[in-house]
PDB file of all heavy atoms in Angstrom:
ATOM      1  N   LEU A   1      40.633  -4.937 -29.547  1.00  0.00           N
ATOM      2  CA  LEU A   1      41.166  -6.104 -28.845  1.00  0.00           C
ATOM      3  C   LEU A   1      40.343  -6.344 -27.582  1.00  0.00           C
ATOM      4  O   LEU A   1      40.155  -5.438 -26.763  1.00  0.00           O
ATOM      5  CB  LEU A   1      42.631  -5.892 -28.460  1.00  0.00           C
ATOM      6  CG  LEU A   1      43.607  -5.507 -29.566  1.00  0.00           C
ATOM      7  CD1 LEU A   1      45.018  -5.377 -29.013  1.00  0.00           C
ATOM      8  CD2 LEU A   1      43.588  -6.522 -30.698  1.00  0.00           C
ATOM      9  N   LYS A   2      39.867  -7.578 -27.427  1.00  0.00           N
ATOM     10  CA  LYS A   2      39.095  -7.942 -26.237  1.00  0.00           C
ATOM     11  C   LYS A   2      39.527  -9.314 -25.755  1.00  0.00           C
ATOM     12  O   LYS A   2      39.704 -10.232 -26.554  1.00  0.00           O
ATOM     13  CB  LYS A   2      37.597  -7.985 -26.561  1.00  0.00           C
ATOM     14  CG  LYS A   2      36.982  -6.662 -26.944  1.00  0.00           C
ATOM     15  CD  LYS A   2      35.502  -6.843 -27.239  1.00  0.00           C
ATOM     16  CE  LYS A   2      34.846  -5.556 -27.680  1.00  0.00           C
ATOM     17  NZ  LYS A   2      33.412  -5.757 -27.995  1.00  0.00           N
ATOM     18  N   GLY A   3      39.694  -9.449 -24.441  1.00  0.00           N
ATOM     19  CA  GLY A   3      40.031 -10.745 -23.877  1.00  0.00           C
ATOM     20  C   GLY A   3      41.448 -10.800 -23.348  1.00  0.00           C
ATOM     21  O   GLY A   3      42.032  -9.781 -22.968  1.00  0.00           O
ATOM     22  N   ASN A   4      42.005 -12.012 -23.331  1.00  0.00           N
ATOM     23  CA  ASN A   4      43.304 -12.242 -22.709  1.00  0.00           C
ATOM     24  C   ASN A   4      44.438 -12.223 -23.735  1.00  0.00           C
ATOM     25  O   ASN A   4      44.380 -12.935 -24.743  1.00  0.00           O
ATOM     26  CB  ASN A   4      43.287 -13.592 -21.989  1.00  0.00           C
ATOM     27  CG  ASN A   4      42.234 -13.619 -20.889  1.00  0.00           C
ATOM     28  OD1 ASN A   4      42.387 -12.986 -19.850  1.00  0.00           O
ATOM     29  ND2 ASN A   4      41.160 -14.353 -21.115  1.00  0.00           N
ATOM     30  N   PHE A   5      45.456 -11.433 -23.427  1.00  0.00           N
ATOM     31  CA  PHE A   5      46.615 -11.285 -24.307  1.00  0.00           C
ATOM     32  C   PHE A   5      47.898 -11.288 -23.469  1.00  0.00           C
ATOM     33  O   PHE A   5      47.869 -10.986 -22.273  1.00  0.00           O
ATOM     34  CB  PHE A   5      46.541  -9.965 -25.091  1.00  0.00           C
ATOM     35  CG  PHE A   5      45.402  -9.889 -26.064  1.00  0.00           C
ATOM     36  CD1 PHE A   5      44.113  -9.603 -25.633  1.00  0.00           C
ATOM     37  CD2 PHE A   5      45.609 -10.099 -27.418  1.00  0.00           C
ATOM     38  CE1 PHE A   5      43.057  -9.531 -26.522  1.00  0.00           C
ATOM     39  CE2 PHE A   5      44.559 -10.029 -28.320  1.00  0.00           C
ATOM     40  CZ  PHE A   5      43.278  -9.749 -27.872  1.00  0.00           C
ATOM     41  N   LYS A   6      48.997 -11.634 -24.130  1.00  0.00           N
ATOM     42  CA  LYS A   6      50.297 -11.534 -23.495  1.00  0.00           C
ATOM     43  C   LYS A   6      50.995 -10.291 -24.022  1.00  0.00           C
ATOM     44  O   LYS A   6      51.146 -10.120 -25.228  1.00  0.00           O
ATOM     45  CB  LYS A   6      51.150 -12.783 -23.791  1.00  0.00           C
ATOM     46  CG  LYS A   6      52.490 -12.786 -23.061  1.00  0.00           C
ATOM     47  CD  LYS A   6      53.258 -14.073 -23.342  1.00  0.00           C
ATOM     48  CE  LYS A   6      54.581 -14.081 -22.594  1.00  0.00           C
ATOM     49  NZ  LYS A   6      55.357 -15.332 -22.884  1.00  0.00           N
ATOM     50  N   LEU A   7      51.406  -9.415 -23.093  1.00  0.00           N
ATOM     51  CA  LEU A   7      52.020  -8.149 -23.476  1.00  0.00           C
ATOM     52  C   LEU A   7      53.491  -8.107 -23.070  1.00  0.00           C
ATOM     53  O   LEU A   7      53.899  -8.742 -22.095  1.00  0.00           O
ATOM     54  CB  LEU A   7      51.294  -6.973 -22.814  1.00  0.00           C
ATOM     55  CG  LEU A   7      49.781  -6.860 -23.020  1.00  0.00           C
ATOM     56  CD1 LEU A   7      49.266  -5.583 -22.389  1.00  0.00           C
ATOM     57  CD2 LEU A   7      49.437  -6.891 -24.496  1.00  0.00           C
ATOM     58  N   GLU A   8      54.258  -7.352 -23.822  1.00  0.00           N
ATOM     59  CA  GLU A   8      55.655  -7.150 -23.475  1.00  0.00           C
ATOM     60  C   GLU A   8      55.727  -6.435 -22.125  1.00  0.00           C
ATOM     61  O   GLU A   8      54.959  -5.507 -21.870  1.00  0.00           O
ATOM     62  CB  GLU A   8      56.332  -6.296 -24.556  1.00  0.00           C
ATOM     63  CG  GLU A   8      57.831  -6.167 -24.389  1.00  0.00           C
ATOM     64  CD  GLU A   8      58.466  -5.394 -25.529  1.00  0.00           C
ATOM     65  OE1 GLU A   8      57.742  -4.641 -26.206  1.00  0.00           O
ATOM     66  OE2 GLU A   8      59.684  -5.545 -25.734  1.00  0.00           O
ATOM     67  N   TYR A   9      56.622  -6.888 -21.269  1.00  0.00           N
ATOM     68  CA  TYR A   9      56.846  -6.358 -19.919  1.00  0.00           C
ATOM     69  C   TYR A   9      55.751  -6.749 -18.918  1.00  0.00           C
ATOM     70  O   TYR A   9      56.039  -7.174 -17.807  1.00  0.00           O
ATOM     71  CB  TYR A   9      56.975  -4.823 -19.915  1.00  0.00           C
ATOM     72  CG  TYR A   9      58.007  -4.295 -20.872  1.00  0.00           C
ATOM     73  CD1 TYR A   9      57.675  -3.346 -21.828  1.00  0.00           C
ATOM     74  CD2 TYR A   9      59.324  -4.776 -20.854  1.00  0.00           C
ATOM     75  CE1 TYR A   9      58.612  -2.860 -22.727  1.00  0.00           C
ATOM     76  CE2 TYR A   9      60.273  -4.304 -21.745  1.00  0.00           C
ATOM     77  CZ  TYR A   9      59.911  -3.345 -22.683  1.00  0.00           C
ATOM     78  OH  TYR A   9      60.838  -2.880 -23.572  1.00  0.00           O
ATOM     79  N   LEU A  10      54.494  -6.617 -19.317  1.00  0.00           N
ATOM     80  CA  LEU A  10      53.404  -6.893 -18.375  1.00  0.00           C
ATOM     81  C   LEU A  10      53.076  -8.374 -18.252  1.00  0.00           C
ATOM     82  O   LEU A  10      52.579  -8.824 -17.239  1.00  0.00           O
ATOM     83  CB  LEU A  10      52.138  -6.153 -18.807  1.00  0.00           C
ATOM     84  CG  LEU A  10      52.029  -4.669 -18.464  1.00  0.00           C
ATOM     85  CD1 LEU A  10      50.692  -4.131 -18.919  1.00  0.00           C
ATOM     86  CD2 LEU A  10      52.215  -4.432 -16.981  1.00  0.00           C
ATOM     87  N   GLY A  11      53.326  -9.133 -19.298  1.00  0.00           N
ATOM     88  CA  GLY A  11      52.927 -10.537 -19.303  1.00  0.00           C
ATOM     89  C   GLY A  11      51.447 -10.650 -19.610  1.00  0.00           C
ATOM     90  O   GLY A  11      50.906  -9.920 -20.448  1.00  0.00           O
ATOM     91  N   GLN A  12      50.739 -11.565 -18.928  1.00  0.00           N
ATOM     92  CA  GLN A  12      49.316 -11.763 -19.185  1.00  0.00           C
ATOM     93  C   GLN A  12      48.510 -10.542 -18.732  1.00  0.00           C
ATOM     94  O   GLN A  12      48.714 -10.018 -17.644  1.00  0.00           O
ATOM     95  CB  GLN A  12      48.815 -13.007 -18.457  1.00  0.00           C
ATOM     96  CG  GLN A  12      49.330 -14.309 -19.042  1.00  0.00           C
ATOM     97  CD  GLN A  12      48.819 -14.557 -20.458  1.00  0.00           C
ATOM     98  OE1 GLN A  12      47.702 -14.190 -20.791  1.00  0.00           O
ATOM     99  NE2 GLN A  12      49.634 -15.183 -21.280  1.00  0.00           N
ATOM    100  N   ALA A  13      47.599 -10.107 -19.594  1.00  0.00           N
ATOM    101  CA  ALA A  13      46.745  -8.967 -19.278  1.00  0.00           C
ATOM    102  C   ALA A  13      45.407  -9.151 -19.984  1.00  0.00           C
ATOM    103  O   ALA A  13      45.294  -9.914 -20.946  1.00  0.00           O
ATOM    104  CB  ALA A  13      47.398  -7.671 -19.714  1.00  0.00           C
ATOM    105  N   LYS A  14      44.404  -8.464 -19.483  1.00  0.00           N
ATOM    106  CA  LYS A  14      43.081  -8.510 -20.113  1.00  0.00           C
ATOM    107  C   LYS A  14      42.822  -7.147 -20.746  1.00  0.00           C
ATOM    108  O   LYS A  14      42.965  -6.104 -20.084  1.00  0.00           O
ATOM    109  CB  LYS A  14      42.001  -8.850 -19.090  1.00  0.00           C
ATOM    110  CG  LYS A  14      40.721  -9.360 -19.739  1.00  0.00           C
ATOM    111  CD  LYS A  14      39.873 -10.145 -18.755  1.00  0.00           C
ATOM    112  CE  LYS A  14      38.673 -10.781 -19.470  1.00  0.00           C
ATOM    113  NZ  LYS A  14      37.833 -11.565 -18.549  1.00  0.00           N
ATOM    114  N   LEU A  15      42.457  -7.163 -22.017  1.00  0.00           N
ATOM    115  CA  LEU A  15      42.293  -5.923 -22.762  1.00  0.00           C
ATOM    116  C   LEU A  15      40.845  -5.724 -23.207  1.00  0.00           C
ATOM    117  O   LEU A  15      40.166  -6.671 -23.618  1.00  0.00           O
ATOM    118  CB  LEU A  15      43.190  -5.919 -24.002  1.00  0.00           C
ATOM    119  CG  LEU A  15      44.675  -6.236 -23.815  1.00  0.00           C
ATOM    120  CD1 LEU A  15      45.404  -6.129 -25.151  1.00  0.00           C
ATOM    121  CD2 LEU A  15      45.305  -5.302 -22.791  1.00  0.00           C
ATOM    122  N   PHE A  16      40.412  -4.479 -23.137  1.00  0.00           N
ATOM    123  CA  PHE A  16      39.130  -4.052 -23.695  1.00  0.00           C
ATOM    124  C   PHE A  16      39.394  -2.705 -24.358  1.00  0.00           C
ATOM    125  O   PHE A  16      38.986  -1.662 -23.858  1.00  0.00           O
ATOM    126  CB  PHE A  16      38.075  -3.910 -22.601  1.00  0.00           C
ATOM    127  CG  PHE A  16      37.773  -5.185 -21.871  1.00  0.00           C
ATOM    128  CD1 PHE A  16      38.469  -5.513 -20.720  1.00  0.00           C
ATOM    129  CD2 PHE A  16      36.809  -6.067 -22.339  1.00  0.00           C
ATOM    130  CE1 PHE A  16      38.214  -6.694 -20.038  1.00  0.00           C
ATOM    131  CE2 PHE A  16      36.542  -7.250 -21.661  1.00  0.00           C
ATOM    132  CZ  PHE A  16      37.248  -7.564 -20.518  1.00  0.00           C
ATOM    133  N   ILE A  17      40.097  -2.732 -25.476  1.00  0.00           N
ATOM    134  CA  ILE A  17      40.596  -1.481 -26.041  1.00  0.00           C
ATOM    135  C   ILE A  17      40.409  -1.400 -27.554  1.00  0.00           C
ATOM    136  O   ILE A  17      40.308  -2.400 -28.249  1.00  0.00           O
ATOM    137  CB  ILE A  17      42.104  -1.304 -25.744  1.00  0.00           C
ATOM    138  CG1 ILE A  17      42.920  -2.408 -26.417  1.00  0.00           C
ATOM    139  CG2 ILE A  17      42.364  -1.255 -24.249  1.00  0.00           C
ATOM    140  CD1 ILE A  17      44.428  -2.166 -26.388  1.00  0.00           C
ATOM    141  N   ASP A  18      40.376  -0.164 -28.010  1.00  0.00           N
ATOM    142  CA  ASP A  18      40.587   0.164 -29.408  1.00  0.00           C
ATOM    143  C   ASP A  18      41.980   0.776 -29.430  1.00  0.00           C
ATOM    144  O   ASP A  18      42.164   1.911 -29.003  1.00  0.00           O
ATOM    145  CB  ASP A  18      39.529   1.159 -29.890  1.00  0.00           C
ATOM    146  CG  ASP A  18      39.714   1.539 -31.352  1.00  0.00           C
ATOM    147  OD1 ASP A  18      40.793   1.239 -31.916  1.00  0.00           O
ATOM    148  OD2 ASP A  18      38.811   2.157 -31.926  1.00  0.00           O
ATOM    149  N   ARG A  19      42.962   0.009 -29.899  1.00  0.00           N
ATOM    150  CA  ARG A  19      44.341   0.486 -29.760  1.00  0.00           C
ATOM    151  C   ARG A  19      44.674   1.644 -30.695  1.00  0.00           C
ATOM    152  O   ARG A  19      45.780   2.188 -30.624  1.00  0.00           O
ATOM    153  CB  ARG A  19      45.337  -0.648 -29.941  1.00  0.00           C
ATOM    154  CG  ARG A  19      45.287  -1.409 -31.239  1.00  0.00           C
ATOM    155  CD  ARG A  19      46.380  -2.456 -31.234  1.00  0.00           C
ATOM    156  NE  ARG A  19      46.223  -3.409 -32.326  1.00  0.00           N
ATOM    157  CZ  ARG A  19      47.000  -4.478 -32.504  1.00  0.00           C
ATOM    158  NH1 ARG A  19      47.995  -4.708 -31.645  1.00  0.00           N
ATOM    159  NH2 ARG A  19      46.810  -5.305 -33.495  1.00  0.00           N
ATOM    160  N   SER A  20      43.730   2.032 -31.560  1.00  0.00           N
ATOM    161  CA  SER A  20      43.955   3.211 -32.390  1.00  0.00           C
ATOM    162  C   SER A  20      43.544   4.489 -31.669  1.00  0.00           C
ATOM    163  O   SER A  20      43.761   5.587 -32.170  1.00  0.00           O
ATOM    164  CB  SER A  20      43.163   3.092 -33.702  1.00  0.00           C
ATOM    165  OG  SER A  20      41.766   3.178 -33.466  1.00  0.00           O
ATOM    166  N   GLN A  21      42.936   4.323 -30.473  1.00  0.00           N
ATOM    167  CA  GLN A  21      42.449   5.465 -29.711  1.00  0.00           C
ATOM    168  C   GLN A  21      43.146   5.542 -28.360  1.00  0.00           C
ATOM    169  O   GLN A  21      42.891   4.738 -27.482  1.00  0.00           O
ATOM    170  CB  GLN A  21      40.927   5.363 -29.499  1.00  0.00           C
ATOM    171  CG  GLN A  21      40.103   5.355 -30.763  1.00  0.00           C
ATOM    172  CD  GLN A  21      40.099   6.691 -31.467  1.00  0.00           C
ATOM    173  OE1 GLN A  21      40.288   7.748 -30.850  1.00  0.00           O
ATOM    174  NE2 GLN A  21      39.876   6.670 -32.766  1.00  0.00           N
ATOM    175  N   SER A  22      44.063   6.470 -28.188  1.00  0.00           N
ATOM    176  CA  SER A  22      44.687   6.679 -26.882  1.00  0.00           C
ATOM    177  C   SER A  22      43.935   7.803 -26.166  1.00  0.00           C
ATOM    178  O   SER A  22      43.220   8.579 -26.823  1.00  0.00           O
ATOM    179  CB  SER A  22      46.162   7.042 -27.052  1.00  0.00           C
ATOM    180  OG  SER A  22      46.290   8.271 -27.755  1.00  0.00           O
ATOM    181  N   PRO A  23      44.046   7.887 -24.830  1.00  0.00           N
ATOM    182  CA  PRO A  23      44.913   7.112 -23.933  1.00  0.00           C
ATOM    183  C   PRO A  23      44.247   5.802 -23.506  1.00  0.00           C
ATOM    184  O   PRO A  23      43.149   5.462 -23.970  1.00  0.00           O
ATOM    185  CB  PRO A  23      45.085   8.053 -22.752  1.00  0.00           C
ATOM    186  CG  PRO A  23      43.775   8.809 -22.711  1.00  0.00           C
ATOM    187  CD  PRO A  23      43.366   8.986 -24.137  1.00  0.00           C
ATOM    188  N   PHE A  24      44.936   5.126 -22.564  1.00  0.00           N
ATOM    189  CA  PHE A  24      44.481   3.840 -22.067  1.00  0.00           C
ATOM    190  C   PHE A  24      44.502   3.856 -20.544  1.00  0.00           C
ATOM    191  O   PHE A  24      45.407   4.400 -19.933  1.00  0.00           O
ATOM    192  CB  PHE A  24      45.382   2.714 -22.584  1.00  0.00           C
ATOM    193  CG  PHE A  24      45.535   2.699 -24.078  1.00  0.00           C
ATOM    194  CD1 PHE A  24      46.576   3.383 -24.689  1.00  0.00           C
ATOM    195  CD2 PHE A  24      44.618   2.022 -24.873  1.00  0.00           C
ATOM    196  CE1 PHE A  24      46.721   3.390 -26.072  1.00  0.00           C
ATOM    197  CE2 PHE A  24      44.747   2.018 -26.254  1.00  0.00           C
ATOM    198  CZ  PHE A  24      45.800   2.706 -26.858  1.00  0.00           C
ATOM    199  N   ILE A  25      43.481   3.236 -19.956  1.00  0.00           N
ATOM    200  CA  ILE A  25      43.391   3.162 -18.496  1.00  0.00           C
ATOM    201  C   ILE A  25      43.931   1.815 -18.036  1.00  0.00           C
ATOM    202  O   ILE A  25      43.468   0.765 -18.494  1.00  0.00           O
ATOM    203  CB  ILE A  25      41.935   3.329 -18.027  1.00  0.00           C
ATOM    204  CG1 ILE A  25      41.387   4.698 -18.483  1.00  0.00           C
ATOM    205  CG2 ILE A  25      41.837   3.201 -16.507  1.00  0.00           C
ATOM    206  CD1 ILE A  25      39.889   4.872 -18.233  1.00  0.00           C
ATOM    207  N   PHE A  26      44.913   1.848 -17.145  1.00  0.00           N
ATOM    208  CA  PHE A  26      45.528   0.633 -16.608  1.00  0.00           C
ATOM    209  C   PHE A  26      44.971   0.374 -15.216  1.00  0.00           C
ATOM    210  O   PHE A  26      45.107   1.208 -14.316  1.00  0.00           O
ATOM    211  CB  PHE A  26      47.050   0.787 -16.524  1.00  0.00           C
ATOM    212  CG  PHE A  26      47.746   0.704 -17.855  1.00  0.00           C
ATOM    213  CD1 PHE A  26      47.560   1.694 -18.819  1.00  0.00           C
ATOM    214  CD2 PHE A  26      48.607  -0.356 -18.146  1.00  0.00           C
ATOM    215  CE1 PHE A  26      48.207   1.629 -20.045  1.00  0.00           C
ATOM    216  CE2 PHE A  26      49.258  -0.428 -19.362  1.00  0.00           C
ATOM    217  CZ  PHE A  26      49.055   0.552 -20.325  1.00  0.00           C
ATOM    218  N   ILE A  27      44.333  -0.780 -15.055  1.00  0.00           N
ATOM    219  CA  ILE A  27      43.765  -1.178 -13.766  1.00  0.00           C
ATOM    220  C   ILE A  27      44.511  -2.421 -13.286  1.00  0.00           C
ATOM    221  O   ILE A  27      44.586  -3.416 -14.012  1.00  0.00           O
ATOM    222  CB  ILE A  27      42.262  -1.503 -13.903  1.00  0.00           C
ATOM    223  CG1 ILE A  27      41.513  -0.310 -14.508  1.00  0.00           C
ATOM    224  CG2 ILE A  27      41.663  -1.899 -12.560  1.00  0.00           C
ATOM    225  CD1 ILE A  27      40.097  -0.638 -14.956  1.00  0.00           C
ATOM    226  N   TYR A  28      45.067  -2.359 -12.072  1.00  0.00           N
ATOM    227  CA  TYR A  28      45.788  -3.508 -11.523  1.00  0.00           C
ATOM    228  C   TYR A  28      44.985  -4.068 -10.357  1.00  0.00           C
ATOM    229  O   TYR A  28      44.818  -3.407  -9.330  1.00  0.00           O
ATOM    230  CB  TYR A  28      47.190  -3.091 -11.065  1.00  0.00           C
ATOM    231  CG  TYR A  28      48.051  -2.583 -12.190  1.00  0.00           C
ATOM    232  CD1 TYR A  28      48.079  -1.220 -12.514  1.00  0.00           C
ATOM    233  CD2 TYR A  28      48.846  -3.448 -12.947  1.00  0.00           C
ATOM    234  CE1 TYR A  28      48.865  -0.746 -13.556  1.00  0.00           C
ATOM    235  CE2 TYR A  28      49.635  -2.983 -13.989  1.00  0.00           C
ATOM    236  CZ  TYR A  28      49.633  -1.638 -14.287  1.00  0.00           C
ATOM    237  OH  TYR A  28      50.414  -1.167 -15.326  1.00  0.00           O
ATOM    238  N   ALA A  29      44.481  -5.290 -10.545  1.00  0.00           N
ATOM    239  CA  ALA A  29      43.654  -5.921  -9.518  1.00  0.00           C
ATOM    240  C   ALA A  29      44.031  -7.384  -9.384  1.00  0.00           C
ATOM    241  O   ALA A  29      44.123  -8.101 -10.388  1.00  0.00           O
ATOM    242  CB  ALA A  29      42.179  -5.789  -9.870  1.00  0.00           C
ATOM    243  N   ASP A  30      44.262  -7.813  -8.150  1.00  0.00           N
ATOM    244  CA  ASP A  30      44.627  -9.218  -7.871  1.00  0.00           C
ATOM    245  C   ASP A  30      45.825  -9.664  -8.703  1.00  0.00           C
ATOM    246  O   ASP A  30      45.885 -10.798  -9.195  1.00  0.00           O
ATOM    247  CB  ASP A  30      43.434 -10.140  -8.142  1.00  0.00           C
ATOM    248  CG  ASP A  30      42.286  -9.884  -7.171  1.00  0.00           C
ATOM    249  OD1 ASP A  30      42.573  -9.516  -6.010  1.00  0.00           O
ATOM    250  OD2 ASP A  30      41.121 -10.039  -7.579  1.00  0.00           O
ATOM    251  N   GLY A  31      46.782  -8.757  -8.883  1.00  0.00           N
ATOM    252  CA  GLY A  31      48.009  -9.099  -9.601  1.00  0.00           C
ATOM    253  C   GLY A  31      47.866  -9.167 -11.109  1.00  0.00           C
ATOM    254  O   GLY A  31      48.795  -9.596 -11.811  1.00  0.00           O
ATOM    255  N   THR A  32      46.711  -8.767 -11.628  1.00  0.00           N
ATOM    256  CA  THR A  32      46.478  -8.811 -13.072  1.00  0.00           C
ATOM    257  C   THR A  32      46.238  -7.408 -13.609  1.00  0.00           C
ATOM    258  O   THR A  32      45.569  -6.591 -12.978  1.00  0.00           O
ATOM    259  CB  THR A  32      45.246  -9.680 -13.387  1.00  0.00           C
ATOM    260  OG1 THR A  32      45.459 -10.992 -12.876  1.00  0.00           O
ATOM    261  CG2 THR A  32      45.009  -9.772 -14.891  1.00  0.00           C
ATOM    262  N   ALA A  33      46.780  -7.151 -14.796  1.00  0.00           N
ATOM    263  CA  ALA A  33      46.574  -5.859 -15.443  1.00  0.00           C
ATOM    264  C   ALA A  33      45.355  -5.944 -16.358  1.00  0.00           C
ATOM    265  O   ALA A  33      45.229  -6.877 -17.155  1.00  0.00           O
ATOM    266  CB  ALA A  33      47.795  -5.460 -16.248  1.00  0.00           C
ATOM    267  N   ILE A  34      44.461  -4.978 -16.221  1.00  0.00           N
ATOM    268  CA  ILE A  34      43.289  -4.863 -17.086  1.00  0.00           C
ATOM    269  C   ILE A  34      43.374  -3.490 -17.739  1.00  0.00           C
ATOM    270  O   ILE A  34      43.470  -2.474 -17.047  1.00  0.00           O
ATOM    271  CB  ILE A  34      41.981  -4.994 -16.290  1.00  0.00           C
ATOM    272  CG1 ILE A  34      41.957  -6.337 -15.551  1.00  0.00           C
ATOM    273  CG2 ILE A  34      40.770  -4.878 -17.208  1.00  0.00           C
ATOM    274  CD1 ILE A  34      40.920  -6.411 -14.459  1.00  0.00           C
ATOM    275  N   ILE A  35      43.381  -3.459 -19.050  1.00  0.00           N
ATOM    276  CA  ILE A  35      43.547  -2.198 -19.784  1.00  0.00           C
ATOM    277  C   ILE A  35      42.280  -1.925 -20.575  1.00  0.00           C
ATOM    278  O   ILE A  35      41.806  -2.782 -21.328  1.00  0.00           O
ATOM    279  CB  ILE A  35      44.763  -2.262 -20.724  1.00  0.00           C
ATOM    280  CG1 ILE A  35      46.014  -2.684 -19.946  1.00  0.00           C
ATOM    281  CG2 ILE A  35      44.989  -0.905 -21.394  1.00  0.00           C
ATOM    282  CD1 ILE A  35      47.241  -2.888 -20.809  1.00  0.00           C
ATOM    283  N   ILE A  36      41.739  -0.718 -20.417  1.00  0.00           N
ATOM    284  CA  ILE A  36      40.496  -0.356 -21.090  1.00  0.00           C
ATOM    285  C   ILE A  36      40.628   1.029 -21.722  1.00  0.00           C
ATOM    286  O   ILE A  36      41.517   1.810 -21.359  1.00  0.00           O
ATOM    287  CB  ILE A  36      39.292  -0.375 -20.128  1.00  0.00           C
ATOM    288  CG1 ILE A  36      39.433   0.753 -19.090  1.00  0.00           C
ATOM    289  CG2 ILE A  36      39.170  -1.715 -19.432  1.00  0.00           C
ATOM    290  CD1 ILE A  36      38.217   0.910 -18.179  1.00  0.00           C
ATOM    291  N   ASN A  37      39.741   1.318 -22.652  1.00  0.00           N
ATOM    292  CA  ASN A  37      39.550   2.694 -23.105  1.00  0.00           C
ATOM    293  C   ASN A  37      38.184   2.814 -23.751  1.00  0.00           C
ATOM    294  O   ASN A  37      37.480   1.819 -23.950  1.00  0.00           O
ATOM    295  CB  ASN A  37      40.678   3.175 -24.032  1.00  0.00           C
ATOM    296  CG  ASN A  37      40.667   2.519 -25.403  1.00  0.00           C
ATOM    297  OD1 ASN A  37      39.911   1.589 -25.674  1.00  0.00           O
ATOM    298  ND2 ASN A  37      41.536   2.991 -26.285  1.00  0.00           N
TER     299      ASN A  37
END
């Protein structure tokens, strides 16, 4: 998953992840969540 997505609880977030591979790094900047792994 890459780009902008709407997530449960978090709302709008930007993802750069392979969701089959945990863990995930949560970065909060300027009120936006960016999740990477």
